[in-house]
């Protein structure tokens, strides 16, 4: 599984840690769930990249 590094505000980090404790999940699990929900909401898994060629 690829890894990424993100910077958070102290407030967001604290909120994520507390949420992970309340939900009985790891911090990574809470983040993966949030990212998956955001990607699904945006339809990101259905995006395609197309190449546009110029005529000149």
C-alpha atoms as a PDB file:
ATOM      1  CA  UNK A   1       0.000   0.000   0.000  1.00  0.00           C
ATOM      2  CA  UNK A   2       1.501   3.403  -0.920  1.00  0.00           C
ATOM      3  CA  UNK A   3       2.184   5.872   1.869  1.00  0.00           C
ATOM      4  CA  UNK A   4       1.729   9.636   1.925  1.00  0.00           C
ATOM      5  CA  UNK A   5       2.696  12.400   4.322  1.00  0.00           C
ATOM      6  CA  UNK A   6       0.338  15.273   5.132  1.00  0.00           C
ATOM      7  CA  UNK A   7       0.586  18.297   7.378  1.00  0.00           C
ATOM      8  CA  UNK A   8      -2.319  19.025   9.716  1.00  0.00           C
ATOM      9  CA  UNK A   9      -3.127  21.802  12.098  1.00  0.00           C
ATOM     10  CA  UNK A  10      -2.751  20.880  15.757  1.00  0.00           C
ATOM     11  CA  UNK A  11      -6.518  21.148  16.146  1.00  0.00           C
ATOM     12  CA  UNK A  12      -7.214  18.741  13.255  1.00  0.00           C
ATOM     13  CA  UNK A  13      -4.611  16.285  14.527  1.00  0.00           C
ATOM     14  CA  UNK A  14      -6.140  16.331  18.007  1.00  0.00           C
ATOM     15  CA  UNK A  15      -9.646  15.880  16.595  1.00  0.00           C
ATOM     16  CA  UNK A  16      -8.522  12.923  14.465  1.00  0.00           C
ATOM     17  CA  UNK A  17      -6.793  11.286  17.419  1.00  0.00           C
ATOM     18  CA  UNK A  18      -9.860  11.709  19.627  1.00  0.00           C
ATOM     19  CA  UNK A  19     -12.177  10.432  16.889  1.00  0.00           C
ATOM     20  CA  UNK A  20     -10.010   7.360  16.399  1.00  0.00           C
ATOM     21  CA  UNK A  21     -10.208   6.634  20.136  1.00  0.00           C
ATOM     22  CA  UNK A  22     -13.996   7.150  20.270  1.00  0.00           C
ATOM     23  CA  UNK A  23     -14.557   4.941  17.204  1.00  0.00           C
ATOM     24  CA  UNK A  24     -12.028   2.320  18.276  1.00  0.00           C
ATOM     25  CA  UNK A  25     -10.079   2.676  15.046  1.00  0.00           C
ATOM     26  CA  UNK A  26      -6.519   3.507  14.183  1.00  0.00           C
ATOM     27  CA  UNK A  27      -5.689   7.032  13.062  1.00  0.00           C
ATOM     28  CA  UNK A  28      -4.829   5.605   9.642  1.00  0.00           C
ATOM     29  CA  UNK A  29      -8.172   3.822   9.516  1.00  0.00           C
ATOM     30  CA  UNK A  30     -10.066   7.046  10.201  1.00  0.00           C
ATOM     31  CA  UNK A  31      -8.055   8.849   7.521  1.00  0.00           C
ATOM     32  CA  UNK A  32      -8.548   6.073   4.940  1.00  0.00           C
ATOM     33  CA  UNK A  33     -12.295   6.090   5.624  1.00  0.00           C
ATOM     34  CA  UNK A  34     -12.444   9.887   5.235  1.00  0.00           C
ATOM     35  CA  UNK A  35     -10.421   9.816   2.014  1.00  0.00           C
ATOM     36  CA  UNK A  36     -12.518   6.998   0.558  1.00  0.00           C
ATOM     37  CA  UNK A  37     -15.715   8.895   1.378  1.00  0.00           C
ATOM     38  CA  UNK A  38     -14.378  12.077  -0.216  1.00  0.00           C
ATOM     39  CA  UNK A  39     -13.229  10.273  -3.361  1.00  0.00           C
ATOM     40  CA  UNK A  40     -16.579   8.527  -3.660  1.00  0.00           C
ATOM     41  CA  UNK A  41     -18.470  11.793  -3.133  1.00  0.00           C
ATOM     42  CA  UNK A  42     -16.420  13.471  -5.885  1.00  0.00           C
ATOM     43  CA  UNK A  43     -16.658  10.487  -8.231  1.00  0.00           C
ATOM     44  CA  UNK A  44     -12.874  10.401  -8.409  1.00  0.00           C
ATOM     45  CA  UNK A  45     -12.668   6.696  -9.226  1.00  0.00           C
ATOM     46  CA  UNK A  46     -14.568   7.357 -12.448  1.00  0.00           C
ATOM     47  CA  UNK A  47     -12.296  10.146 -13.698  1.00  0.00           C
ATOM     48  CA  UNK A  48     -10.368   9.714 -16.906  1.00  0.00           C
ATOM     49  CA  UNK A  49      -7.486  11.669 -18.366  1.00  0.00           C
ATOM     50  CA  UNK A  50      -7.683  12.580 -22.012  1.00  0.00           C
ATOM     51  CA  UNK A  51      -5.062  14.163 -24.220  1.00  0.00           C
ATOM     52  CA  UNK A  52      -6.125  17.186 -26.201  1.00  0.00           C
ATOM     53  CA  UNK A  53      -4.133  17.787 -29.359  1.00  0.00           C
ATOM     54  CA  UNK A  54      -3.765  21.259 -30.788  1.00  0.00           C
ATOM     55  CA  UNK A  55      -4.372  21.846 -34.475  1.00  0.00           C
ATOM     56  CA  UNK A  56      -1.464  24.025 -35.184  1.00  0.00           C
END
